Amino acid sequence: MFTQIKTAYIRSQNTLLQDAIGAASIVLILLVALHLPSLHLPVLP
């Protein structure tokens, strides 16, 4: 099992940073979307 994890890590090492950036951006979008209702933006007449 450890060998399989090590092999998968070696194969995906090139895209690991891109995957981390993608995951962080999804979390950021989710947090912003959840906080939008609390902004209480004024409604134009």
PDB file of N, CA and C in Angstrom:
ATOM      1  N   MET A   1       0.826  -1.196   0.000  1.00  0.00           N
ATOM      2  CA  MET A   1       0.000   0.000   0.000  1.00  0.00           C
ATOM      3  C   MET A   1       0.867   1.256   0.000  1.00  0.00           C
ATOM      4  N   PHE A   2       1.932   1.238   0.812  1.00  0.00           N
ATOM      5  CA  PHE A   2       2.827   2.394   0.845  1.00  0.00           C
ATOM      6  C   PHE A   2       3.479   2.604  -0.518  1.00  0.00           C
ATOM      7  N   THR A   3       3.787   1.513  -1.200  1.00  0.00           N
ATOM      8  CA  THR A   3       4.403   1.614  -2.519  1.00  0.00           C
ATOM      9  C   THR A   3       3.447   2.264  -3.511  1.00  0.00           C
ATOM     10  N   GLN A   4       2.162   1.920  -3.428  1.00  0.00           N
ATOM     11  CA  GLN A   4       1.179   2.522  -4.324  1.00  0.00           C
ATOM     12  C   GLN A   4       1.034   4.016  -4.062  1.00  0.00           C
ATOM     13  N   ILE A   5       1.019   4.415  -2.793  1.00  0.00           N
ATOM     14  CA  ILE A   5       0.922   5.839  -2.450  1.00  0.00           C
ATOM     15  C   ILE A   5       2.156   6.583  -2.947  1.00  0.00           C
ATOM     16  N   LYS A   6       3.314   5.982  -2.745  1.00  0.00           N
ATOM     17  CA  LYS A   6       4.560   6.604  -3.191  1.00  0.00           C
ATOM     18  C   LYS A   6       4.586   6.750  -4.710  1.00  0.00           C
ATOM     19  N   THR A   7       4.123   5.736  -5.426  1.00  0.00           N
ATOM     20  CA  THR A   7       4.078   5.793  -6.884  1.00  0.00           C
ATOM     21  C   THR A   7       3.108   6.866  -7.366  1.00  0.00           C
ATOM     22  N   ALA A   8       1.949   6.924  -6.742  1.00  0.00           N
ATOM     23  CA  ALA A   8       0.963   7.946  -7.121  1.00  0.00           C
ATOM     24  C   ALA A   8       1.512   9.344  -6.847  1.00  0.00           C
ATOM     25  N   TYR A   9       2.218   9.536  -5.738  1.00  0.00           N
ATOM     26  CA  TYR A   9       2.803  10.839  -5.419  1.00  0.00           C
ATOM     27  C   TYR A   9       3.858  11.232  -6.452  1.00  0.00           C
ATOM     28  N   ILE A  10       4.689  10.295  -6.839  1.00  0.00           N
ATOM     29  CA  ILE A  10       5.745  10.588  -7.814  1.00  0.00           C
ATOM     30  C   ILE A  10       5.132  10.943  -9.168  1.00  0.00           C
ATOM     31  N   ARG A  11       4.073  10.232  -9.563  1.00  0.00           N
ATOM     32  CA  ARG A  11       3.445  10.495 -10.852  1.00  0.00           C
ATOM     33  C   ARG A  11       2.722  11.840 -10.882  1.00  0.00           C
ATOM     34  N   SER A  12       2.134  12.237  -9.761  1.00  0.00           N
ATOM     35  CA  SER A  12       1.332  13.462  -9.757  1.00  0.00           C
ATOM     36  C   SER A  12       2.078  14.664  -9.191  1.00  0.00           C
ATOM     37  N   GLN A  13       3.353  14.547  -9.015  1.00  0.00           N
ATOM     38  CA  GLN A  13       4.140  15.631  -8.421  1.00  0.00           C
ATOM     39  C   GLN A  13       4.084  16.905  -9.265  1.00  0.00           C
ATOM     40  N   ASN A  14       3.977  16.761 -10.570  1.00  0.00           N
ATOM     41  CA  ASN A  14       3.961  17.930 -11.461  1.00  0.00           C
ATOM     42  C   ASN A  14       2.690  18.751 -11.312  1.00  0.00           C
ATOM     43  N   THR A  15       1.579  18.110 -11.027  1.00  0.00           N
ATOM     44  CA  THR A  15       0.299  18.827 -10.959  1.00  0.00           C
ATOM     45  C   THR A  15      -0.157  19.082  -9.526  1.00  0.00           C
ATOM     46  N   LEU A  16       0.653  18.738  -8.561  1.00  0.00           N
ATOM     47  CA  LEU A  16       0.262  18.886  -7.162  1.00  0.00           C
ATOM     48  C   LEU A  16       0.019  20.345  -6.794  1.00  0.00           C
ATOM     49  N   LEU A  17       0.859  21.247  -7.244  1.00  0.00           N
ATOM     50  CA  LEU A  17       0.693  22.670  -6.952  1.00  0.00           C
ATOM     51  C   LEU A  17      -0.575  23.216  -7.614  1.00  0.00           C
ATOM     52  N   GLN A  18      -0.833  22.821  -8.837  1.00  0.00           N
ATOM     53  CA  GLN A  18      -2.039  23.272  -9.529  1.00  0.00           C
ATOM     54  C   GLN A  18      -3.291  22.776  -8.816  1.00  0.00           C
ATOM     55  N   ASP A  19      -3.269  21.546  -8.340  1.00  0.00           N
ATOM     56  CA  ASP A  19      -4.416  21.001  -7.616  1.00  0.00           C
ATOM     57  C   ASP A  19      -4.635  21.743  -6.299  1.00  0.00           C
ATOM     58  N   ALA A  20      -3.555  22.094  -5.608  1.00  0.00           N
ATOM     59  CA  ALA A  20      -3.674  22.825  -4.350  1.00  0.00           C
ATOM     60  C   ALA A  20      -4.241  24.226  -4.584  1.00  0.00           C
ATOM     61  N   ILE A  21      -3.799  24.886  -5.641  1.00  0.00           N
ATOM     62  CA  ILE A  21      -4.319  26.215  -5.971  1.00  0.00           C
ATOM     63  C   ILE A  21      -5.799  26.121  -6.338  1.00  0.00           C
ATOM     64  N   GLY A  22      -6.175  25.108  -7.085  1.00  0.00           N
ATOM     65  CA  GLY A  22      -7.574  24.912  -7.448  1.00  0.00           C
ATOM     66  C   GLY A  22      -8.454  24.667  -6.232  1.00  0.00           C
ATOM     67  N   ALA A  23      -7.988  23.836  -5.310  1.00  0.00           N
ATOM     68  CA  ALA A  23      -8.761  23.556  -4.097  1.00  0.00           C
ATOM     69  C   ALA A  23      -8.902  24.815  -3.245  1.00  0.00           C
ATOM     70  N   ALA A  24      -7.829  25.599  -3.130  1.00  0.00           N
ATOM     71  CA  ALA A  24      -7.880  26.831  -2.351  1.00  0.00           C
ATOM     72  C   ALA A  24      -8.839  27.839  -2.980  1.00  0.00           C
ATOM     73  N   SER A  25      -8.869  27.905  -4.306  1.00  0.00           N
ATOM     74  CA  SER A  25      -9.774  28.856  -4.954  1.00  0.00           C
ATOM     75  C   SER A  25     -11.233  28.441  -4.779  1.00  0.00           C
ATOM     76  N   ILE A  26     -11.511  27.141  -4.792  1.00  0.00           N
ATOM     77  CA  ILE A  26     -12.880  26.675  -4.559  1.00  0.00           C
ATOM     78  C   ILE A  26     -13.334  27.020  -3.141  1.00  0.00           C
ATOM     79  N   VAL A  27     -12.458  26.842  -2.166  1.00  0.00           N
ATOM     80  CA  VAL A  27     -12.788  27.196  -0.784  1.00  0.00           C
ATOM     81  C   VAL A  27     -13.024  28.693  -0.662  1.00  0.00           C
ATOM     82  N   LEU A  28     -12.202  29.495  -1.314  1.00  0.00           N
ATOM     83  CA  LEU A  28     -12.367  30.946  -1.268  1.00  0.00           C
ATOM     84  C   LEU A  28     -13.691  31.381  -1.887  1.00  0.00           C
ATOM     85  N   ILE A  29     -14.040  30.810  -3.030  1.00  0.00           N
ATOM     86  CA  ILE A  29     -15.318  31.134  -3.671  1.00  0.00           C
ATOM     87  C   ILE A  29     -16.484  30.758  -2.763  1.00  0.00           C
ATOM     88  N   LEU A  30     -16.402  29.603  -2.117  1.00  0.00           N
ATOM     89  CA  LEU A  30     -17.457  29.166  -1.214  1.00  0.00           C
ATOM     90  C   LEU A  30     -17.600  30.120  -0.032  1.00  0.00           C
ATOM     91  N   LEU A  31     -16.488  30.527   0.557  1.00  0.00           N
ATOM     92  CA  LEU A  31     -16.543  31.445   1.693  1.00  0.00           C
ATOM     93  C   LEU A  31     -17.125  32.799   1.297  1.00  0.00           C
ATOM     94  N   VAL A  32     -16.743  33.316   0.149  1.00  0.00           N
ATOM     95  CA  VAL A  32     -17.277  34.592  -0.318  1.00  0.00           C
ATOM     96  C   VAL A  32     -18.774  34.468  -0.577  1.00  0.00           C
ATOM     97  N   ALA A  33     -19.186  33.377  -1.206  1.00  0.00           N
ATOM     98  CA  ALA A  33     -20.602  33.182  -1.511  1.00  0.00           C
ATOM     99  C   ALA A  33     -21.429  33.068  -0.235  1.00  0.00           C
ATOM    100  N   LEU A  34     -20.889  32.464   0.795  1.00  0.00           N
ATOM    101  CA  LEU A  34     -21.627  32.321   2.049  1.00  0.00           C
ATOM    102  C   LEU A  34     -21.722  33.636   2.822  1.00  0.00           C
ATOM    103  N   HIS A  35     -20.785  34.548   2.598  1.00  0.00           N
ATOM    104  CA  HIS A  35     -20.798  35.815   3.319  1.00  0.00           C
ATOM    105  C   HIS A  35     -21.514  36.936   2.562  1.00  0.00           C
ATOM    106  N   LEU A  36     -21.893  36.710   1.326  1.00  0.00           N
ATOM    107  CA  LEU A  36     -22.574  37.748   0.547  1.00  0.00           C
ATOM    108  C   LEU A  36     -23.886  38.219   1.182  1.00  0.00           C
ATOM    109  N   PRO A  37     -24.723  37.355   1.727  1.00  0.00           N
ATOM    110  CA  PRO A  37     -25.973  37.832   2.310  1.00  0.00           C
ATOM    111  C   PRO A  37     -25.784  38.776   3.499  1.00  0.00           C
ATOM    112  N   SER A  38     -24.650  38.717   4.152  1.00  0.00           N
ATOM    113  CA  SER A  38     -24.438  39.559   5.325  1.00  0.00           C
ATOM    114  C   SER A  38     -23.917  40.950   4.977  1.00  0.00           C
ATOM    115  N   LEU A  39     -23.751  41.281   3.716  1.00  0.00           N
ATOM    116  CA  LEU A  39     -23.215  42.579   3.322  1.00  0.00           C
ATOM    117  C   LEU A  39     -24.271  43.693   3.407  1.00  0.00           C
ATOM    118  N   HIS A  40     -25.537  43.355   3.255  1.00  0.00           N
ATOM    119  CA  HIS A  40     -26.625  44.317   3.316  1.00  0.00           C
ATOM    120  C   HIS A  40     -26.403  45.500   2.384  1.00  0.00           C
ATOM    121  N   LEU A  41     -26.235  45.200   1.118  1.00  0.00           N
ATOM    122  CA  LEU A  41     -26.034  46.246   0.137  1.00  0.00           C
ATOM    123  C   LEU A  41     -27.314  47.040  -0.054  1.00  0.00           C
ATOM    124  N   PRO A  42     -27.216  48.364  -0.199  1.00  0.00           N
ATOM    125  CA  PRO A  42     -28.419  49.181  -0.382  1.00  0.00           C
ATOM    126  C   PRO A  42     -29.078  48.918  -1.742  1.00  0.00           C
ATOM    127  N   VAL A  43     -30.378  48.894  -1.745  1.00  0.00           N
ATOM    128  CA  VAL A  43     -31.133  48.670  -2.973  1.00  0.00           C
ATOM    129  C   VAL A  43     -31.442  50.016  -3.601  1.00  0.00           C
ATOM    130  N   LEU A  44     -31.143  50.140  -4.879  1.00  0.00           N
ATOM    131  CA  LEU A  44     -31.394  51.407  -5.566  1.00  0.00           C
ATOM    132  C   LEU A  44     -32.900  51.569  -5.839  1.00  0.00           C
ATOM    133  N   PRO A  45     -33.448  52.785  -5.651  1.00  0.00           N
ATOM    134  CA  PRO A  45     -34.894  52.984  -5.887  1.00  0.00           C
ATOM    135  C   PRO A  45     -35.259  52.968  -7.348  1.00  0.00           C
TER     136      PRO A  45
END
